[in-house]
C-alpha cells in the first residue's frame, strides 16, 4: 500500500520526463497568468491537483470561461470552453517547441486570443519555449507515479492546513518552481525581498514575500544543488536560530545550499508510517519558525479538522 500511495520516484527516465513536464506546465501556467487578474502572492497563477492531474481551474476567456487540465490518466491536455467546445493535445514524447505550438493552435481554434511570454521562469539556463527542442521526454507511467505522489502530498498538506486559523494559502502547484506548496502567514509584514530569481521580475518576488511566512511543500528536484525529490519547509524572513532548530523526523536536515529544511522523499516513503513522518516534518518545522519568529500561536492555531465535524469554539 505504501508503494501505491507513495511510489518510487528517482530513475533517470523520470528525471527527463520531470524536466519536460516542468516546461509544459509553464506553458499552460503562462496562459493562466495572461488571462487571470492578479491575486496576492501570485496565487492567481497556480495550478491545482485533481483526481486526474493538474488544472488551471476556470479562467475568464472570450466572454466565457476556459479550463486547461493535464490528464495523466489518459495522457491528454484538455482545453475546455464553457460553451461546450474543447480541444485535446496528446501528452506524448514531443519537444517543448512542438507542445507550445500545439497549445497555441488549440487556443486559436477555441477563439481564445492570448499573448504568452515564451521565456520560462525561475530556470537559470533556459531557452524560449518555441526554440526548445532538447526537452522531449514523456513516460506515461512516470507521469502517473508523479500524479499519485501529488495526490498523497495534497491530502497530507491539506490536513496540515486545517490546524491554522490565520491567513493561509490553498494547497496549490507553482509551475515556476514546479512544487506543491502551502503557506502560513503570521499577519506581520516582512522586509523587502532581494529578488534575483532567474527570469522573474524582482517585483513579483517582492510582492510574493510581502509578509512573514512559513511555507512547506513537495518538490520533485532538479535544476539546482538538489537533484532528488524532497519535502521542504522554510521561513521568510528566517528568524535567528532557525537553521539550527531540532526538527522531525530524524531524516530531515537543514540544506545550507537551499536555505530550507528538507525531508528526502525516499526517506519519507520508506518510513514505517510515511504520512505520520511527513506530518511530523510539517509540524516541527512550522513550530520552529513560529516560536523563533514570535508568532501569536494561540490566536493563529487550532486543532486539525475532522470530516463532518464543526470546529469547536
C-alpha atoms as a PDB file:
ATOM      1  CA  UNK A   1       0.000   0.000   0.000  1.00  0.00           C
ATOM      2  CA  UNK A   2       2.874   2.377   0.756  1.00  0.00           C
ATOM      3  CA  UNK A   3       4.280   1.776  -2.736  1.00  0.00           C
ATOM      4  CA  UNK A   4       0.871   2.584  -4.243  1.00  0.00           C
ATOM      5  CA  UNK A   5       0.350   5.714  -2.115  1.00  0.00           C
ATOM      6  CA  UNK A   6       3.964   6.888  -2.212  1.00  0.00           C
ATOM      7  CA  UNK A   7       5.501   5.302  -5.350  1.00  0.00           C
ATOM      8  CA  UNK A   8       9.184   5.407  -6.156  1.00  0.00           C
ATOM      9  CA  UNK A   9      10.494   8.494  -7.960  1.00  0.00           C
ATOM     10  CA  UNK A  10      14.096   8.742  -8.925  1.00  0.00           C
ATOM     11  CA  UNK A  11      15.400   6.997 -12.025  1.00  0.00           C
ATOM     12  CA  UNK A  12      16.954   8.818 -14.985  1.00  0.00           C
ATOM     13  CA  UNK A  13      13.926   8.304 -17.245  1.00  0.00           C
ATOM     14  CA  UNK A  14      11.709  10.012 -14.676  1.00  0.00           C
ATOM     15  CA  UNK A  15      14.072  12.966 -14.438  1.00  0.00           C
ATOM     16  CA  UNK A  16      13.844  13.505 -18.199  1.00  0.00           C
ATOM     17  CA  UNK A  17      10.034  13.369 -18.037  1.00  0.00           C
ATOM     18  CA  UNK A  18      10.055  15.656 -14.991  1.00  0.00           C
ATOM     19  CA  UNK A  19      12.105  18.326 -16.743  1.00  0.00           C
ATOM     20  CA  UNK A  20       9.880  18.235 -19.841  1.00  0.00           C
ATOM     21  CA  UNK A  21       6.699  18.359 -17.736  1.00  0.00           C
ATOM     22  CA  UNK A  22       8.091  21.336 -15.849  1.00  0.00           C
ATOM     23  CA  UNK A  23       8.287  23.301 -19.081  1.00  0.00           C
ATOM     24  CA  UNK A  24       4.909  22.061 -20.333  1.00  0.00           C
ATOM     25  CA  UNK A  25       3.247  23.234 -17.105  1.00  0.00           C
ATOM     26  CA  UNK A  26       4.967  26.599 -17.537  1.00  0.00           C
ATOM     27  CA  UNK A  27       3.337  26.997 -20.947  1.00  0.00           C
ATOM     28  CA  UNK A  28      -0.119  26.309 -19.505  1.00  0.00           C
ATOM     29  CA  UNK A  29       0.658  28.393 -16.439  1.00  0.00           C
ATOM     30  CA  UNK A  30       1.570  31.365 -18.594  1.00  0.00           C
ATOM     31  CA  UNK A  31      -1.823  31.140 -20.275  1.00  0.00           C
ATOM     32  CA  UNK A  32      -3.363  31.361 -16.805  1.00  0.00           C
ATOM     33  CA  UNK A  33      -1.077  34.286 -15.959  1.00  0.00           C
ATOM     34  CA  UNK A  34      -2.214  36.159 -19.078  1.00  0.00           C
ATOM     35  CA  UNK A  35      -5.944  35.576 -18.526  1.00  0.00           C
ATOM     36  CA  UNK A  36      -6.389  35.905 -14.748  1.00  0.00           C
ATOM     37  CA  UNK A  37      -6.447  39.108 -12.639  1.00  0.00           C
ATOM     38  CA  UNK A  38      -3.564  39.437 -10.197  1.00  0.00           C
ATOM     39  CA  UNK A  39      -4.141  37.917  -6.772  1.00  0.00           C
ATOM     40  CA  UNK A  40      -1.931  38.487  -3.739  1.00  0.00           C
ATOM     41  CA  UNK A  41       1.261  36.408  -3.562  1.00  0.00           C
ATOM     42  CA  UNK A  42       0.780  35.267  -7.188  1.00  0.00           C
ATOM     43  CA  UNK A  43      -1.945  32.834  -6.113  1.00  0.00           C
ATOM     44  CA  UNK A  44      -3.747  33.537  -9.396  1.00  0.00           C
ATOM     45  CA  UNK A  45      -1.108  31.718 -11.469  1.00  0.00           C
ATOM     46  CA  UNK A  46      -1.057  28.409  -9.611  1.00  0.00           C
ATOM     47  CA  UNK A  47      -2.360  25.062 -10.843  1.00  0.00           C
ATOM     48  CA  UNK A  48      -4.424  22.698  -8.692  1.00  0.00           C
ATOM     49  CA  UNK A  49      -4.259  18.948  -8.162  1.00  0.00           C
ATOM     50  CA  UNK A  50      -7.228  16.987  -9.495  1.00  0.00           C
ATOM     51  CA  UNK A  51      -8.165  13.307  -9.389  1.00  0.00           C
ATOM     52  CA  UNK A  52      -6.660  13.030 -12.882  1.00  0.00           C
ATOM     53  CA  UNK A  53      -3.799  15.526 -12.917  1.00  0.00           C
ATOM     54  CA  UNK A  54      -3.382  19.305 -12.709  1.00  0.00           C
ATOM     55  CA  UNK A  55      -5.808  22.055 -13.688  1.00  0.00           C
ATOM     56  CA  UNK A  56      -5.828  25.804 -14.143  1.00  0.00           C
ATOM     57  CA  UNK A  57      -9.404  25.945 -12.780  1.00  0.00           C
ATOM     58  CA  UNK A  58     -11.823  28.141 -14.819  1.00  0.00           C
ATOM     59  CA  UNK A  59     -10.281  31.278 -16.317  1.00  0.00           C
ATOM     60  CA  UNK A  60     -12.087  34.215 -17.977  1.00  0.00           C
ATOM     61  CA  UNK A  61     -11.733  33.973 -21.753  1.00  0.00           C
ATOM     62  CA  UNK A  62     -13.599  35.489 -24.712  1.00  0.00           C
ATOM     63  CA  UNK A  63     -16.836  36.202 -22.863  1.00  0.00           C
ATOM     64  CA  UNK A  64     -16.886  32.817 -21.119  1.00  0.00           C
ATOM     65  CA  UNK A  65     -14.559  30.508 -19.257  1.00  0.00           C
ATOM     66  CA  UNK A  66     -11.645  28.306 -20.236  1.00  0.00           C
ATOM     67  CA  UNK A  67     -10.134  25.474 -18.210  1.00  0.00           C
ATOM     68  CA  UNK A  68      -6.950  23.616 -19.105  1.00  0.00           C
ATOM     69  CA  UNK A  69      -6.193  20.293 -17.425  1.00  0.00           C
ATOM     70  CA  UNK A  70      -3.304  17.870 -17.570  1.00  0.00           C
ATOM     71  CA  UNK A  71      -4.954  14.441 -17.504  1.00  0.00           C
ATOM     72  CA  UNK A  72      -2.258  11.941 -16.547  1.00  0.00           C
ATOM     73  CA  UNK A  73      -4.727   9.047 -16.577  1.00  0.00           C
ATOM     74  CA  UNK A  74      -5.479   9.318 -20.310  1.00  0.00           C
ATOM     75  CA  UNK A  75      -2.322  11.290 -21.244  1.00  0.00           C
ATOM     76  CA  UNK A  76      -4.239  14.265 -22.606  1.00  0.00           C
ATOM     77  CA  UNK A  77      -4.112  18.016 -22.138  1.00  0.00           C
ATOM     78  CA  UNK A  78      -7.750  19.128 -22.166  1.00  0.00           C
ATOM     79  CA  UNK A  79      -8.728  22.663 -23.181  1.00  0.00           C
ATOM     80  CA  UNK A  80     -12.424  23.144 -22.383  1.00  0.00           C
ATOM     81  CA  UNK A  81     -14.624  26.181 -23.032  1.00  0.00           C
ATOM     82  CA  UNK A  82     -17.765  26.892 -21.011  1.00  0.00           C
ATOM     83  CA  UNK A  83     -19.786  26.856 -24.261  1.00  0.00           C
ATOM     84  CA  UNK A  84     -19.074  23.144 -24.663  1.00  0.00           C
ATOM     85  CA  UNK A  85     -16.239  23.338 -27.167  1.00  0.00           C
ATOM     86  CA  UNK A  86     -12.976  21.581 -26.403  1.00  0.00           C
ATOM     87  CA  UNK A  87      -9.647  20.629 -27.867  1.00  0.00           C
ATOM     88  CA  UNK A  88      -7.121  17.950 -26.934  1.00  0.00           C
ATOM     89  CA  UNK A  89      -3.335  17.954 -27.054  1.00  0.00           C
ATOM     90  CA  UNK A  90      -1.980  14.463 -26.549  1.00  0.00           C
ATOM     91  CA  UNK A  91       0.728  14.038 -23.919  1.00  0.00           C
ATOM     92  CA  UNK A  92       3.450  12.147 -25.698  1.00  0.00           C
ATOM     93  CA  UNK A  93       7.215  12.378 -26.332  1.00  0.00           C
ATOM     94  CA  UNK A  94       7.436  15.650 -28.285  1.00  0.00           C
ATOM     95  CA  UNK A  95       9.661  18.687 -27.917  1.00  0.00           C
ATOM     96  CA  UNK A  96       8.682  21.667 -25.825  1.00  0.00           C
ATOM     97  CA  UNK A  97       8.597  23.701 -29.048  1.00  0.00           C
ATOM     98  CA  UNK A  98       6.047  21.352 -30.627  1.00  0.00           C
ATOM     99  CA  UNK A  99       3.926  21.213 -27.471  1.00  0.00           C
ATOM    100  CA  UNK A 100       3.960  25.026 -27.320  1.00  0.00           C
ATOM    101  CA  UNK A 101       2.759  25.241 -30.927  1.00  0.00           C
ATOM    102  CA  UNK A 102       0.042  22.641 -30.278  1.00  0.00           C
ATOM    103  CA  UNK A 103      -1.292  24.579 -27.296  1.00  0.00           C
ATOM    104  CA  UNK A 104      -1.362  27.876 -29.203  1.00  0.00           C
ATOM    105  CA  UNK A 105      -3.138  26.222 -32.149  1.00  0.00           C
ATOM    106  CA  UNK A 106      -5.747  24.703 -29.822  1.00  0.00           C
ATOM    107  CA  UNK A 107      -6.333  28.064 -28.144  1.00  0.00           C
ATOM    108  CA  UNK A 108      -6.802  29.715 -31.537  1.00  0.00           C
ATOM    109  CA  UNK A 109      -9.323  27.077 -32.600  1.00  0.00           C
ATOM    110  CA  UNK A 110     -11.250  27.858 -29.396  1.00  0.00           C
ATOM    111  CA  UNK A 111     -11.170  31.601 -30.211  1.00  0.00           C
ATOM    112  CA  UNK A 112      -9.023  32.410 -27.185  1.00  0.00           C
ATOM    113  CA  UNK A 113      -6.607  35.205 -28.026  1.00  0.00           C
ATOM    114  CA  UNK A 114      -3.759  35.273 -25.519  1.00  0.00           C
ATOM    115  CA  UNK A 115      -0.214  36.636 -25.584  1.00  0.00           C
ATOM    116  CA  UNK A 116       2.203  34.234 -23.899  1.00  0.00           C
ATOM    117  CA  UNK A 117       5.748  35.223 -22.939  1.00  0.00           C
ATOM    118  CA  UNK A 118       7.778  32.301 -24.344  1.00  0.00           C
ATOM    119  CA  UNK A 119      10.679  32.614 -21.875  1.00  0.00           C
ATOM    120  CA  UNK A 120      10.493  30.123 -18.956  1.00  0.00           C
ATOM    121  CA  UNK A 121      10.502  31.480 -15.397  1.00  0.00           C
ATOM    122  CA  UNK A 122      12.725  30.552 -12.465  1.00  0.00           C
ATOM    123  CA  UNK A 123      15.075  28.408 -14.572  1.00  0.00           C
ATOM    124  CA  UNK A 124      18.630  29.715 -14.861  1.00  0.00           C
ATOM    125  CA  UNK A 125      19.778  28.115 -18.118  1.00  0.00           C
ATOM    126  CA  UNK A 126      16.833  28.039 -20.484  1.00  0.00           C
ATOM    127  CA  UNK A 127      15.663  28.994 -23.954  1.00  0.00           C
ATOM    128  CA  UNK A 128      12.266  30.229 -25.163  1.00  0.00           C
ATOM    129  CA  UNK A 129       9.595  27.548 -25.489  1.00  0.00           C
ATOM    130  CA  UNK A 130       9.432  27.878 -29.247  1.00  0.00           C
ATOM    131  CA  UNK A 131      13.163  27.158 -29.520  1.00  0.00           C
ATOM    132  CA  UNK A 132      13.416  24.260 -27.063  1.00  0.00           C
ATOM    133  CA  UNK A 133      13.990  21.025 -28.931  1.00  0.00           C
ATOM    134  CA  UNK A 134      16.148  19.460 -26.206  1.00  0.00           C
ATOM    135  CA  UNK A 135      13.362  18.558 -23.764  1.00  0.00           C
ATOM    136  CA  UNK A 136      11.128  15.941 -25.376  1.00  0.00           C
ATOM    137  CA  UNK A 137      10.545  13.126 -22.863  1.00  0.00           C
ATOM    138  CA  UNK A 138       7.217  11.828 -21.641  1.00  0.00           C
ATOM    139  CA  UNK A 139       6.921   8.448 -19.952  1.00  0.00           C
ATOM    140  CA  UNK A 140       3.245   7.867 -19.147  1.00  0.00           C
ATOM    141  CA  UNK A 141       3.906   5.581 -16.177  1.00  0.00           C
ATOM    142  CA  UNK A 142       6.356   8.072 -14.664  1.00  0.00           C
ATOM    143  CA  UNK A 143       3.764  10.824 -15.068  1.00  0.00           C
ATOM    144  CA  UNK A 144       1.158   8.668 -13.333  1.00  0.00           C
ATOM    145  CA  UNK A 145       3.530   7.917 -10.442  1.00  0.00           C
ATOM    146  CA  UNK A 146       4.216  11.637 -10.085  1.00  0.00           C
ATOM    147  CA  UNK A 147       0.487  12.277 -10.033  1.00  0.00           C
ATOM    148  CA  UNK A 148      -0.012   9.716  -7.256  1.00  0.00           C
ATOM    149  CA  UNK A 149       2.657  11.490  -5.205  1.00  0.00           C
ATOM    150  CA  UNK A 150       0.890  14.813  -5.785  1.00  0.00           C
ATOM    151  CA  UNK A 151      -2.438  13.318  -4.678  1.00  0.00           C
ATOM    152  CA  UNK A 152      -0.956  11.880  -1.478  1.00  0.00           C
ATOM    153  CA  UNK A 153       1.040  15.019  -0.701  1.00  0.00           C
ATOM    154  CA  UNK A 154      -2.025  17.159  -1.373  1.00  0.00           C
ATOM    155  CA  UNK A 155      -4.006  15.114   1.163  1.00  0.00           C
ATOM    156  CA  UNK A 156      -1.407  15.488   3.936  1.00  0.00           C
ATOM    157  CA  UNK A 157      -0.734  19.176   3.206  1.00  0.00           C
ATOM    158  CA  UNK A 158      -4.481  19.882   3.191  1.00  0.00           C
ATOM    159  CA  UNK A 159      -4.898  18.185   6.571  1.00  0.00           C
ATOM    160  CA  UNK A 160      -1.947  20.154   7.940  1.00  0.00           C
ATOM    161  CA  UNK A 161      -3.573  23.371   6.699  1.00  0.00           C
ATOM    162  CA  UNK A 162      -6.723  22.738   8.775  1.00  0.00           C
ATOM    163  CA  UNK A 163      -4.804  23.370  12.011  1.00  0.00           C
ATOM    164  CA  UNK A 164      -4.172  27.033  11.160  1.00  0.00           C
ATOM    165  CA  UNK A 165      -6.778  29.748  11.725  1.00  0.00           C
ATOM    166  CA  UNK A 166      -4.812  32.650  10.287  1.00  0.00           C
ATOM    167  CA  UNK A 167      -4.250  33.587   6.671  1.00  0.00           C
ATOM    168  CA  UNK A 168      -3.094  30.545   4.705  1.00  0.00           C
ATOM    169  CA  UNK A 169      -2.728  29.781   1.022  1.00  0.00           C
ATOM    170  CA  UNK A 170      -4.590  26.997  -0.727  1.00  0.00           C
ATOM    171  CA  UNK A 171      -2.579  23.861  -1.395  1.00  0.00           C
ATOM    172  CA  UNK A 172      -1.501  24.754  -4.911  1.00  0.00           C
ATOM    173  CA  UNK A 173       1.094  23.898  -7.547  1.00  0.00           C
ATOM    174  CA  UNK A 174       3.505  26.577  -8.696  1.00  0.00           C
ATOM    175  CA  UNK A 175       4.709  25.869 -12.228  1.00  0.00           C
ATOM    176  CA  UNK A 176       7.647  28.276 -11.983  1.00  0.00           C
ATOM    177  CA  UNK A 177       9.393  26.365  -9.213  1.00  0.00           C
ATOM    178  CA  UNK A 178       7.491  23.146 -10.037  1.00  0.00           C
ATOM    179  CA  UNK A 179       6.344  22.406  -6.495  1.00  0.00           C
ATOM    180  CA  UNK A 180       3.194  21.760  -4.483  1.00  0.00           C
ATOM    181  CA  UNK A 181       3.020  24.284  -1.664  1.00  0.00           C
ATOM    182  CA  UNK A 182       1.013  25.546   1.300  1.00  0.00           C
ATOM    183  CA  UNK A 183       1.930  28.750   3.127  1.00  0.00           C
ATOM    184  CA  UNK A 184       1.012  30.144   6.551  1.00  0.00           C
ATOM    185  CA  UNK A 185       1.232  33.847   7.410  1.00  0.00           C
ATOM    186  CA  UNK A 186       1.992  35.449  10.773  1.00  0.00           C
ATOM    187  CA  UNK A 187      -0.021  38.556   9.880  1.00  0.00           C
ATOM    188  CA  UNK A 188       3.014  40.840  10.001  1.00  0.00           C
ATOM    189  CA  UNK A 189       4.832  42.480   7.129  1.00  0.00           C
ATOM    190  CA  UNK A 190       8.270  41.300   6.005  1.00  0.00           C
ATOM    191  CA  UNK A 191      11.466  43.023   4.849  1.00  0.00           C
ATOM    192  CA  UNK A 192      11.591  43.668   1.105  1.00  0.00           C
ATOM    193  CA  UNK A 193      12.697  40.520  -0.694  1.00  0.00           C
ATOM    194  CA  UNK A 194      16.024  40.970  -2.529  1.00  0.00           C
ATOM    195  CA  UNK A 195      14.716  39.342  -5.727  1.00  0.00           C
ATOM    196  CA  UNK A 196      17.275  37.812  -8.037  1.00  0.00           C
ATOM    197  CA  UNK A 197      15.183  34.801  -9.104  1.00  0.00           C
ATOM    198  CA  UNK A 198      16.157  33.768 -12.674  1.00  0.00           C
ATOM    199  CA  UNK A 199      13.832  35.173 -15.340  1.00  0.00           C
ATOM    200  CA  UNK A 200      11.388  36.522 -12.718  1.00  0.00           C
ATOM    201  CA  UNK A 201      10.876  40.263 -12.197  1.00  0.00           C
ATOM    202  CA  UNK A 202      12.031  41.351  -8.736  1.00  0.00           C
ATOM    203  CA  UNK A 203       8.635  42.985  -8.204  1.00  0.00           C
ATOM    204  CA  UNK A 204       6.961  39.556  -8.396  1.00  0.00           C
ATOM    205  CA  UNK A 205       9.207  38.042  -5.716  1.00  0.00           C
ATOM    206  CA  UNK A 206       8.816  41.135  -3.548  1.00  0.00           C
ATOM    207  CA  UNK A 207       5.025  41.008  -3.743  1.00  0.00           C
ATOM    208  CA  UNK A 208       5.023  37.270  -3.075  1.00  0.00           C
ATOM    209  CA  UNK A 209       7.050  37.734   0.115  1.00  0.00           C
ATOM    210  CA  UNK A 210       5.488  40.973   1.330  1.00  0.00           C
ATOM    211  CA  UNK A 211       4.512  39.312   4.632  1.00  0.00           C
ATOM    212  CA  UNK A 212       6.130  36.868   7.050  1.00  0.00           C
ATOM    213  CA  UNK A 213       5.582  33.253   6.056  1.00  0.00           C
ATOM    214  CA  UNK A 214       6.208  29.672   6.987  1.00  0.00           C
ATOM    215  CA  UNK A 215       5.926  27.680   3.782  1.00  0.00           C
ATOM    216  CA  UNK A 216       6.178  23.967   3.076  1.00  0.00           C
ATOM    217  CA  UNK A 217       5.592  21.603   0.204  1.00  0.00           C
ATOM    218  CA  UNK A 218       6.788  18.903  -2.158  1.00  0.00           C
ATOM    219  CA  UNK A 219       9.408  19.435  -4.856  1.00  0.00           C
ATOM    220  CA  UNK A 220      10.446  16.680  -7.322  1.00  0.00           C
ATOM    221  CA  UNK A 221      14.007  18.010  -7.520  1.00  0.00           C
ATOM    222  CA  UNK A 222      16.150  19.222 -10.395  1.00  0.00           C
ATOM    223  CA  UNK A 223      17.615  22.473 -11.633  1.00  0.00           C
ATOM    224  CA  UNK A 224      19.824  23.164  -8.645  1.00  0.00           C
ATOM    225  CA  UNK A 225      22.052  21.729  -5.930  1.00  0.00           C
ATOM    226  CA  UNK A 226      19.483  19.049  -5.026  1.00  0.00           C
ATOM    227  CA  UNK A 227      18.512  16.586  -7.754  1.00  0.00           C
ATOM    228  CA  UNK A 228      16.308  14.240  -5.733  1.00  0.00           C
ATOM    229  CA  UNK A 229      12.656  14.682  -4.739  1.00  0.00           C
ATOM    230  CA  UNK A 230      12.043  16.113  -1.280  1.00  0.00           C
ATOM    231  CA  UNK A 231       9.601  17.821   1.008  1.00  0.00           C
ATOM    232  CA  UNK A 232      10.779  21.261   2.099  1.00  0.00           C
ATOM    233  CA  UNK A 233       9.989  23.898   4.705  1.00  0.00           C
ATOM    234  CA  UNK A 234      11.316  27.434   5.033  1.00  0.00           C
ATOM    235  CA  UNK A 235      10.536  30.736   6.719  1.00  0.00           C
ATOM    236  CA  UNK A 236      10.772  34.237   5.305  1.00  0.00           C
ATOM    237  CA  UNK A 237      12.356  36.069   6.899  1.00  0.00           C
ATOM    238  CA  UNK A 238      14.173  33.198   8.602  1.00  0.00           C
ATOM    239  CA  UNK A 239      14.293  34.013  12.335  1.00  0.00           C
ATOM    240  CA  UNK A 240      17.591  33.833  14.191  1.00  0.00           C
ATOM    241  CA  UNK A 241      18.478  30.257  15.078  1.00  0.00           C
ATOM    242  CA  UNK A 242      16.040  28.715  12.585  1.00  0.00           C
ATOM    243  CA  UNK A 243      18.655  26.719  10.699  1.00  0.00           C
ATOM    244  CA  UNK A 244      19.809  25.075  13.947  1.00  0.00           C
ATOM    245  CA  UNK A 245      16.323  24.087  15.099  1.00  0.00           C
ATOM    246  CA  UNK A 246      15.678  20.459  16.018  1.00  0.00           C
ATOM    247  CA  UNK A 247      13.052  19.111  13.648  1.00  0.00           C
ATOM    248  CA  UNK A 248      11.450  15.738  12.940  1.00  0.00           C
ATOM    249  CA  UNK A 249      11.813  13.051  11.688  1.00  0.00           C
ATOM    250  CA  UNK A 250      15.465  12.078  12.026  1.00  0.00           C
ATOM    251  CA  UNK A 251      15.951  12.056   8.230  1.00  0.00           C
ATOM    252  CA  UNK A 252      15.125  15.789   7.971  1.00  0.00           C
ATOM    253  CA  UNK A 253      18.006  18.254   7.776  1.00  0.00           C
ATOM    254  CA  UNK A 254      18.867  21.887   7.036  1.00  0.00           C
ATOM    255  CA  UNK A 255      20.115  22.486   3.476  1.00  0.00           C
ATOM    256  CA  UNK A 256      22.531  25.395   3.508  1.00  0.00           C
ATOM    257  CA  UNK A 257      22.527  25.433  -0.296  1.00  0.00           C
ATOM    258  CA  UNK A 258      18.750  25.967  -0.474  1.00  0.00           C
ATOM    259  CA  UNK A 259      18.252  27.790   2.831  1.00  0.00           C
ATOM    260  CA  UNK A 260      15.475  25.465   3.982  1.00  0.00           C
ATOM    261  CA  UNK A 261      14.754  22.215   5.744  1.00  0.00           C
ATOM    262  CA  UNK A 262      14.478  19.112   3.576  1.00  0.00           C
ATOM    263  CA  UNK A 263      12.961  15.690   4.121  1.00  0.00           C
ATOM    264  CA  UNK A 264      14.089  13.470   1.232  1.00  0.00           C
ATOM    265  CA  UNK A 265      11.094  11.862  -0.426  1.00  0.00           C
ATOM    266  CA  UNK A 266      12.745   8.454  -0.489  1.00  0.00           C
ATOM    267  CA  UNK A 267      13.387   8.565   3.272  1.00  0.00           C
ATOM    268  CA  UNK A 268       9.791   9.602   3.949  1.00  0.00           C
ATOM    269  CA  UNK A 269       8.233   6.873   1.789  1.00  0.00           C
ATOM    270  CA  UNK A 270      10.359   4.204   3.492  1.00  0.00           C
ATOM    271  CA  UNK A 271       9.283   5.240   6.987  1.00  0.00           C
ATOM    272  CA  UNK A 272       7.075   2.847   8.952  1.00  0.00           C
ATOM    273  CA  UNK A 273       4.250   5.411   8.704  1.00  0.00           C
ATOM    274  CA  UNK A 274       5.063   7.792   5.802  1.00  0.00           C
ATOM    275  CA  UNK A 275       2.067  10.071   6.421  1.00  0.00           C
ATOM    276  CA  UNK A 276       2.991  10.475  10.097  1.00  0.00           C
ATOM    277  CA  UNK A 277       6.626  11.162   9.194  1.00  0.00           C
ATOM    278  CA  UNK A 278       5.558  13.878   6.773  1.00  0.00           C
ATOM    279  CA  UNK A 279       3.138  15.432   9.267  1.00  0.00           C
ATOM    280  CA  UNK A 280       5.912  15.469  11.883  1.00  0.00           C
ATOM    281  CA  UNK A 281       8.155  17.317   9.435  1.00  0.00           C
ATOM    282  CA  UNK A 282       5.497  19.879   8.554  1.00  0.00           C
ATOM    283  CA  UNK A 283       4.554  20.473  12.196  1.00  0.00           C
ATOM    284  CA  UNK A 284       8.049  20.641  13.696  1.00  0.00           C
ATOM    285  CA  UNK A 285       9.457  22.988  11.053  1.00  0.00           C
ATOM    286  CA  UNK A 286       6.443  25.297  11.327  1.00  0.00           C
ATOM    287  CA  UNK A 287       6.698  25.330  15.121  1.00  0.00           C
ATOM    288  CA  UNK A 288      10.387  26.227  14.890  1.00  0.00           C
ATOM    289  CA  UNK A 289       9.580  29.149  12.567  1.00  0.00           C
ATOM    290  CA  UNK A 290       6.631  30.316  14.673  1.00  0.00           C
ATOM    291  CA  UNK A 291       8.368  30.054  18.046  1.00  0.00           C
ATOM    292  CA  UNK A 292      11.644  31.650  16.964  1.00  0.00           C
ATOM    293  CA  UNK A 293       9.734  34.289  14.997  1.00  0.00           C
ATOM    294  CA  UNK A 294       7.433  35.043  17.968  1.00  0.00           C
ATOM    295  CA  UNK A 295       4.188  34.390  16.109  1.00  0.00           C
ATOM    296  CA  UNK A 296       0.962  34.686  18.101  1.00  0.00           C
ATOM    297  CA  UNK A 297       0.397  30.938  18.040  1.00  0.00           C
ATOM    298  CA  UNK A 298      -2.524  30.982  20.466  1.00  0.00           C
ATOM    299  CA  UNK A 299      -4.515  33.215  18.114  1.00  0.00           C
ATOM    300  CA  UNK A 300      -3.367  31.567  14.889  1.00  0.00           C
ATOM    301  CA  UNK A 301      -3.706  27.847  15.617  1.00  0.00           C
ATOM    302  CA  UNK A 302      -6.437  25.317  16.293  1.00  0.00           C
ATOM    303  CA  UNK A 303      -6.952  21.557  16.251  1.00  0.00           C
ATOM    304  CA  UNK A 304      -6.757  19.647  12.995  1.00  0.00           C
ATOM    305  CA  UNK A 305     -10.078  19.478  11.182  1.00  0.00           C
ATOM    306  CA  UNK A 306     -12.240  16.378  11.142  1.00  0.00           C
ATOM    307  CA  UNK A 307     -14.617  15.386   8.331  1.00  0.00           C
ATOM    308  CA  UNK A 308     -18.214  16.340   9.086  1.00  0.00           C
ATOM    309  CA  UNK A 309     -17.394  17.913  12.459  1.00  0.00           C
ATOM    310  CA  UNK A 310     -17.785  21.649  13.062  1.00  0.00           C
ATOM    311  CA  UNK A 311     -14.746  23.265  14.678  1.00  0.00           C
ATOM    312  CA  UNK A 312     -15.374  23.799  18.369  1.00  0.00           C
ATOM    313  CA  UNK A 313     -15.154  27.415  19.556  1.00  0.00           C
END
